[in-house]
C-alpha atoms as a PDB file:
ATOM      1  CA  MET A   1     -91.303  66.392  90.184  1.00  0.00           C
ATOM      2  CA  ILE A   2     -92.432  68.962  92.790  1.00  0.00           C
ATOM      3  CA  GLU A   3     -95.162  69.117  95.443  1.00  0.00           C
ATOM      4  CA  ILE A   4     -96.519  71.471  98.246  1.00  0.00           C
ATOM      5  CA  LYS A   5     -95.909  70.384 101.855  1.00  0.00           C
ATOM      6  CA  THR A   6     -95.590  71.889 105.356  1.00  0.00           C
ATOM      7  CA  SER A   7     -92.335  73.760 105.560  1.00  0.00           C
ATOM      8  CA  SER A   8     -90.427  74.474 108.857  1.00  0.00           C
ATOM      9  CA  LEU A   9     -88.999  77.586 107.339  1.00  0.00           C
ATOM     10  CA  SER A  10     -92.168  79.750 107.184  1.00  0.00           C
ATOM     11  CA  ASP A  11     -93.714  80.878 110.344  1.00  0.00           C
ATOM     12  CA  GLY A  12     -97.069  82.016 108.885  1.00  0.00           C
ATOM     13  CA  GLU A  13    -100.529  80.530 109.360  1.00  0.00           C
ATOM     14  CA  PHE A  14    -100.109  78.185 106.494  1.00  0.00           C
ATOM     15  CA  ASN A  15     -96.313  77.287 106.583  1.00  0.00           C
ATOM     16  CA  ARG A  16     -96.137  75.653 103.061  1.00  0.00           C
ATOM     17  CA  GLY A  17     -93.145  75.363 100.794  1.00  0.00           C
ATOM     18  CA  VAL A  18     -92.287  73.470  97.460  1.00  0.00           C
ATOM     19  CA  PHE A  19     -90.613  70.214  97.687  1.00  0.00           C
ATOM     20  CA  ALA A  20     -88.779  67.890  95.242  1.00  0.00           C
ATOM     21  CA  THR A  21     -90.520  64.687  94.754  1.00  0.00           C
ATOM     22  CA  ARG A  22     -87.426  63.245  93.036  1.00  0.00           C
ATOM     23  CA  ASP A  23     -83.735  64.029  92.551  1.00  0.00           C
ATOM     24  CA  ILE A  24     -83.464  67.013  90.351  1.00  0.00           C
ATOM     25  CA  LYS A  25     -80.350  67.949  88.329  1.00  0.00           C
ATOM     26  CA  LYS A  26     -78.837  71.418  88.296  1.00  0.00           C
ATOM     27  CA  GLY A  27     -80.425  73.454  85.440  1.00  0.00           C
ATOM     28  CA  GLU A  28     -83.561  71.389  85.197  1.00  0.00           C
ATOM     29  CA  LEU A  29     -86.781  73.158  84.596  1.00  0.00           C
ATOM     30  CA  LEU A  30     -88.920  72.805  87.684  1.00  0.00           C
ATOM     31  CA  HIS A  31     -91.986  74.766  87.087  1.00  0.00           C
ATOM     32  CA  GLU A  32     -93.381  77.169  84.488  1.00  0.00           C
ATOM     33  CA  ALA A  33     -95.690  79.464  86.455  1.00  0.00           C
ATOM     34  CA  PRO A  34     -98.153  81.809  84.455  1.00  0.00           C
ATOM     35  CA  VAL A  35     -98.413  85.348  85.698  1.00  0.00           C
ATOM     36  CA  ILE A  36    -101.115  88.049  86.168  1.00  0.00           C
ATOM     37  CA  ALA A  37     -99.398  91.300  85.610  1.00  0.00           C
ATOM     38  CA  TYR A  38    -100.634  94.778  86.729  1.00  0.00           C
ATOM     39  CA  PRO A  39     -99.340  98.330  86.248  1.00  0.00           C
ATOM     40  CA  ASN A  40     -96.974  99.477  88.997  1.00  0.00           C
ATOM     41  CA  GLU A  41     -99.270 102.468  89.872  1.00  0.00           C
ATOM     42  CA  GLN A  42    -102.146  99.961  90.982  1.00  0.00           C
ATOM     43  CA  HIS A  43     -99.558  98.460  93.434  1.00  0.00           C
ATOM     44  CA  GLU A  44    -100.353 100.966  96.184  1.00  0.00           C
ATOM     45  CA  HIS A  45    -103.836  99.008  96.552  1.00  0.00           C
ATOM     46  CA  ILE A  46    -102.077  95.690  96.887  1.00  0.00           C
ATOM     47  CA  GLU A  47     -99.744  97.202  99.567  1.00  0.00           C
ATOM     48  CA  LYS A  48    -102.767  97.414 101.848  1.00  0.00           C
ATOM     49  CA  THR A  49    -103.105  93.452 101.754  1.00  0.00           C
ATOM     50  CA  LEU A  50    -100.858  90.542 102.735  1.00  0.00           C
ATOM     51  CA  LEU A  51    -100.564  89.842  98.939  1.00  0.00           C
ATOM     52  CA  ALA A  52     -97.968  92.632  98.672  1.00  0.00           C
ATOM     53  CA  ASP A  53     -95.531  90.228 100.237  1.00  0.00           C
ATOM     54  CA  TYR A  54     -96.027  87.794  97.348  1.00  0.00           C
ATOM     55  CA  ALA A  55     -95.708  90.228  94.331  1.00  0.00           C
ATOM     56  CA  PHE A  56     -92.846  90.080  91.782  1.00  0.00           C
ATOM     57  CA  GLU A  57     -91.426  92.777  89.893  1.00  0.00           C
ATOM     58  CA  TYR A  58     -92.378  92.198  86.348  1.00  0.00           C
ATOM     59  CA  GLY A  59     -90.180  94.500  84.042  1.00  0.00           C
ATOM     60  CA  ILE A  60     -89.907  98.232  84.594  1.00  0.00           C
ATOM     61  CA  ASN A  61     -93.722  99.064  84.405  1.00  0.00           C
ATOM     62  CA  HIS A  62     -95.512  96.176  85.951  1.00  0.00           C
ATOM     63  CA  THR A  63     -95.688  94.025  89.093  1.00  0.00           C
ATOM     64  CA  ALA A  64     -97.160  90.331  88.986  1.00  0.00           C
ATOM     65  CA  PHE A  65     -98.683  87.521  90.857  1.00  0.00           C
ATOM     66  CA  VAL A  66     -97.030  84.378  90.045  1.00  0.00           C
ATOM     67  CA  LEU A  67     -99.567  81.634  89.737  1.00  0.00           C
ATOM     68  CA  GLY A  68     -99.191  77.772  90.014  1.00  0.00           C
ATOM     69  CA  TYR A  69     -96.579  77.132  92.813  1.00  0.00           C
ATOM     70  CA  GLY A  70     -94.675  80.250  91.921  1.00  0.00           C
ATOM     71  CA  MET A  71     -95.645  82.297  94.921  1.00  0.00           C
ATOM     72  CA  LEU A  72     -95.053  79.365  97.461  1.00  0.00           C
ATOM     73  CA  PHE A  73     -91.231  78.935  97.079  1.00  0.00           C
ATOM     74  CA  ASN A  74     -89.611  79.936 100.136  1.00  0.00           C
ATOM     75  CA  HIS A  75     -86.640  82.213 100.564  1.00  0.00           C
ATOM     76  CA  SER A  76     -82.947  81.523 101.090  1.00  0.00           C
ATOM     77  CA  TYR A  77     -79.788  83.488 100.795  1.00  0.00           C
ATOM     78  CA  GLN A  78     -78.180  80.275  99.659  1.00  0.00           C
ATOM     79  CA  PRO A  79     -81.038  78.981  97.227  1.00  0.00           C
ATOM     80  CA  ASN A  80     -81.105  75.734  95.247  1.00  0.00           C
ATOM     81  CA  ALA A  81     -83.403  77.200  92.555  1.00  0.00           C
ATOM     82  CA  THR A  82     -83.586  80.099  90.549  1.00  0.00           C
ATOM     83  CA  TYR A  83     -86.032  81.881  88.075  1.00  0.00           C
ATOM     84  CA  ASP A  84     -86.092  83.670  84.611  1.00  0.00           C
ATOM     85  CA  ILE A  85     -88.951  85.969  83.656  1.00  0.00           C
ATOM     86  CA  ASN A  86     -90.138  84.677  80.421  1.00  0.00           C
ATOM     87  CA  PHE A  87     -92.086  87.775  78.973  1.00  0.00           C
ATOM     88  CA  ASP A  88     -92.762  86.065  75.646  1.00  0.00           C
ATOM     89  CA  ASN A  89     -94.887  83.302  77.378  1.00  0.00           C
ATOM     90  CA  HIS A  90     -95.796  85.420  80.558  1.00  0.00           C
ATOM     91  CA  THR A  91     -94.241  83.090  82.817  1.00  0.00           C
ATOM     92  CA  PHE A  92     -91.718  82.779  85.519  1.00  0.00           C
ATOM     93  CA  ASP A  93     -89.621  79.662  84.797  1.00  0.00           C
ATOM     94  CA  PHE A  94     -88.040  78.079  87.912  1.00  0.00           C
ATOM     95  CA  TYR A  95     -84.798  76.039  87.520  1.00  0.00           C
ATOM     96  CA  ALA A  96     -82.603  74.014  89.697  1.00  0.00           C
ATOM     97  CA  TYR A  97     -79.709  76.090  90.732  1.00  0.00           C
ATOM     98  CA  THR A  98     -77.929  73.294  92.162  1.00  0.00           C
ATOM     99  CA  ASP A  99     -78.574  69.487  92.359  1.00  0.00           C
ATOM    100  CA  ILE A 100     -81.689  68.997  94.650  1.00  0.00           C
ATOM    101  CA  LYS A 101     -82.394  65.739  96.430  1.00  0.00           C
ATOM    102  CA  ALA A 102     -85.785  64.143  96.614  1.00  0.00           C
ATOM    103  CA  GLY A 103     -87.559  65.408  99.742  1.00  0.00           C
ATOM    104  CA  GLU A 104     -85.562  68.696  99.889  1.00  0.00           C
ATOM    105  CA  GLU A 105     -87.236  71.989 100.031  1.00  0.00           C
ATOM    106  CA  ILE A 106     -86.744  74.108  96.888  1.00  0.00           C
ATOM    107  CA  LEU A 107     -85.771  77.678  97.742  1.00  0.00           C
ATOM    108  CA  ILE A 108     -85.154  80.835  95.794  1.00  0.00           C
ATOM    109  CA  ASN A 109     -83.494  83.956  96.793  1.00  0.00           C
ATOM    110  CA  TYR A 110     -86.227  86.624  96.821  1.00  0.00           C
ATOM    111  CA  ASN A 111     -83.534  89.311  95.910  1.00  0.00           C
ATOM    112  CA  GLY A 112     -83.990  88.023  92.436  1.00  0.00           C
ATOM    113  CA  ASP A 113     -80.102  87.150  92.255  1.00  0.00           C
ATOM    114  CA  GLU A 114     -78.910  83.943  93.682  1.00  0.00           C
ATOM    115  CA  GLU A 115     -75.618  85.689  94.968  1.00  0.00           C
ATOM    116  CA  ASP A 116     -77.394  88.785  96.533  1.00  0.00           C
ATOM    117  CA  GLN A 117     -77.029  88.731 100.249  1.00  0.00           C
ATOM    118  CA  GLU A 118     -78.931  92.074 101.020  1.00  0.00           C
ATOM    119  CA  LEU A 119     -81.369  91.593 103.802  1.00  0.00           C
ATOM    120  CA  LEU A 120     -84.978  91.353 102.885  1.00  0.00           C
ATOM    121  CA  TRP A 121     -87.749  93.410 104.507  1.00  0.00           C
ATOM    122  CA  PHE A 122     -88.645  90.419 106.937  1.00  0.00           C
ATOM    123  CA  ASP A 123     -84.864  90.030 108.016  1.00  0.00           C
ATOM    124  CA  GLN A 124     -84.537  93.740 108.426  1.00  0.00           C
ATOM    125  CA  ASP A 125     -87.732  93.694 110.744  1.00  0.00           C
ATOM    126  CA  LYS A 126     -86.151  91.012 112.803  1.00  0.00           C
ATOM    127  CA  GLU A 127     -82.829  92.946 113.322  1.00  0.00           C
ATOM    128  CA  GLY A 128     -84.669  95.947 114.444  1.00  0.00           C
ATOM    129  CA  LYS A 129     -86.689  93.997 116.986  1.00  0.00           C
ATOM    130  CA  GLU A 130     -83.286  92.300 118.537  1.00  0.00           C
ATOM    131  CA  GLU A 131     -81.661  95.816 118.897  1.00  0.00           C
END
Protein backbone atom coordinates (compact mmCIF):
# COMPACT_ATOMS: atom_id res chain seq x y z
CA MET A 1 0.00 0.00 0.00
CA ILE A 2 2.90 2.39 0.77
CA GLU A 3 6.56 2.59 -0.16
CA ILE A 4 9.56 4.86 0.27
CA LYS A 5 10.76 6.72 -2.81
CA THR A 6 12.71 9.85 -3.68
CA SER A 7 10.68 12.97 -2.94
CA SER A 8 10.94 16.31 -4.67
CA LEU A 9 9.58 17.99 -1.52
CA SER A 10 12.50 17.40 0.79
CA ASP A 11 15.82 19.08 0.17
CA GLY A 12 18.03 17.13 2.55
CA GLU A 13 20.72 14.68 1.66
CA PHE A 14 18.35 11.71 1.41
CA ASN A 15 15.18 13.29 -0.12
CA ARG A 16 12.78 10.50 0.80
CA GLY A 17 9.03 10.37 1.23
CA VAL A 18 6.17 7.90 1.60
CA PHE A 19 4.13 7.16 -1.52
CA ALA A 20 0.95 5.23 -2.24
CA THR A 21 1.39 2.06 -4.30
CA ARG A 22 -2.37 1.87 -4.97
CA ASP A 23 -5.43 4.08 -4.65
CA ILE A 24 -6.30 4.64 -0.99
CA LYS A 25 -9.70 5.73 0.31
CA LYS A 26 -10.21 8.51 2.84
CA GLY A 27 -10.13 7.07 6.38
CA GLU A 28 -8.14 3.97 5.43
CA LEU A 29 -5.37 2.94 7.82
CA LEU A 30 -2.02 3.44 6.08
CA HIS A 31 0.54 2.46 8.69
CA GLU A 32 0.85 1.58 12.38
CA ALA A 33 4.25 2.86 13.45
CA PRO A 34 5.64 1.73 16.82
CA VAL A 35 7.31 4.34 19.01
CA ILE A 36 10.33 4.62 21.23
CA ALA A 37 9.33 7.14 23.90
CA TYR A 38 11.61 8.99 26.28
CA PRO A 39 11.03 11.56 29.06
CA ASN A 40 10.90 15.18 27.91
CA GLU A 41 13.81 16.14 30.17
CA GLN A 42 16.09 13.94 28.03
CA HIS A 43 15.18 15.85 24.87
CA GLU A 44 17.92 18.44 25.49
CA HIS A 45 20.41 15.76 24.41
CA ILE A 46 18.45 15.00 21.23
CA GLU A 47 18.30 18.74 20.41
CA LYS A 48 22.05 18.59 19.70
CA THR A 49 21.40 16.18 16.81
CA LEU A 50 19.52 16.04 13.51
CA LEU A 51 17.08 13.61 15.17
CA ALA A 52 15.43 16.55 16.95
CA ASP A 53 13.70 17.43 13.65
CA TYR A 54 12.09 13.97 13.62
CA ALA A 55 10.83 13.68 17.21
CA PHE A 56 7.10 13.78 17.96
CA GLU A 57 5.30 14.91 21.09
CA TYR A 58 4.03 11.83 22.90
CA GLY A 59 1.62 12.92 25.58
CA ILE A 60 2.46 15.55 28.18
CA ASN A 61 5.64 14.07 29.65
CA HIS A 62 7.26 12.25 26.74
CA THR A 63 8.72 12.68 23.29
CA ALA A 64 9.01 9.81 20.83
CA PHE A 65 10.75 8.53 17.78
CA VAL A 66 8.25 6.98 15.42
CA LEU A 67 9.60 3.85 13.80
CA GLY A 68 8.65 2.12 10.57
CA TYR A 69 7.80 4.72 7.94
CA GLY A 70 6.51 7.12 10.59
CA MET A 71 9.41 9.58 10.54
CA LEU A 72 9.55 9.63 6.72
CA PHE A 73 6.20 11.28 5.96
CA ASN A 74 6.85 14.77 4.58
CA HIS A 75 4.93 17.88 5.62
CA SER A 76 2.14 19.80 3.93
CA TYR A 77 -0.22 22.49 5.20
CA GLN A 78 -2.80 20.74 2.96
CA PRO A 79 -2.14 17.12 3.98
CA ASN A 80 -3.71 14.04 2.47
CA ALA A 81 -2.99 11.96 5.60
CA THR A 82 -3.31 12.35 9.35
CA TYR A 83 -2.30 10.41 12.42
CA ASP A 84 -3.64 9.43 15.82
CA ILE A 85 -1.49 8.48 18.77
CA ASN A 86 -2.50 5.07 20.06
CA PHE A 87 -1.15 5.08 23.61
CA ASP A 88 -2.54 1.59 24.35
CA ASN A 89 -0.50 0.06 21.51
CA HIS A 90 2.37 2.60 21.64
CA THR A 91 1.93 3.39 17.96
CA PHE A 92 1.24 6.35 15.72
CA ASP A 93 -1.56 5.25 13.42
CA PHE A 94 -1.53 7.02 10.04
CA TYR A 95 -4.77 7.35 8.07
CA ALA A 96 -5.76 8.78 4.70
CA TYR A 97 -7.27 12.23 5.34
CA THR A 98 -8.43 12.44 1.72
CA ASP A 99 -8.58 9.95 -1.12
CA ILE A 100 -5.02 9.31 -2.30
CA LYS A 101 -4.14 8.16 -5.82
CA ALA A 102 -1.54 5.49 -6.59
CA GLY A 103 1.87 7.15 -6.99
CA GLU A 104 0.92 10.21 -4.93
CA GLU A 105 3.16 11.26 -2.04
CA ILE A 106 1.48 10.87 1.35
CA LEU A 107 1.80 14.04 3.44
CA ILE A 108 0.95 14.99 7.00
CA ASN A 109 0.76 18.37 8.73
CA TYR A 110 3.63 18.48 11.22
CA ASN A 111 1.58 20.85 13.39
CA GLY A 112 -0.45 17.80 14.45
CA ASP A 113 -3.74 19.26 13.20
CA GLU A 114 -4.71 18.99 9.54
CA GLU A 115 -6.12 22.55 9.49
CA ASP A 116 -3.28 24.27 11.43
CA GLN A 117 -1.53 26.76 9.14
CA GLU A 118 1.00 28.05 11.68
CA LEU A 119 4.42 28.24 10.05
CA LEU A 120 6.80 25.52 11.15
CA TRP A 121 10.42 26.12 12.19
CA PHE A 122 11.82 25.42 8.73
CA ASP A 123 9.36 27.79 7.03
CA GLN A 124 10.04 30.49 9.64
CA ASP A 125 13.76 30.10 8.88
CA LYS A 126 13.06 30.58 5.15
CA GLU A 127 11.00 33.73 5.81
CA GLY A 128 13.78 35.19 7.97
CA LYS A 129 16.34 34.65 5.19
CA GLU A 130 14.10 36.32 2.58
CA GLU A 131 13.73 39.54 4.58
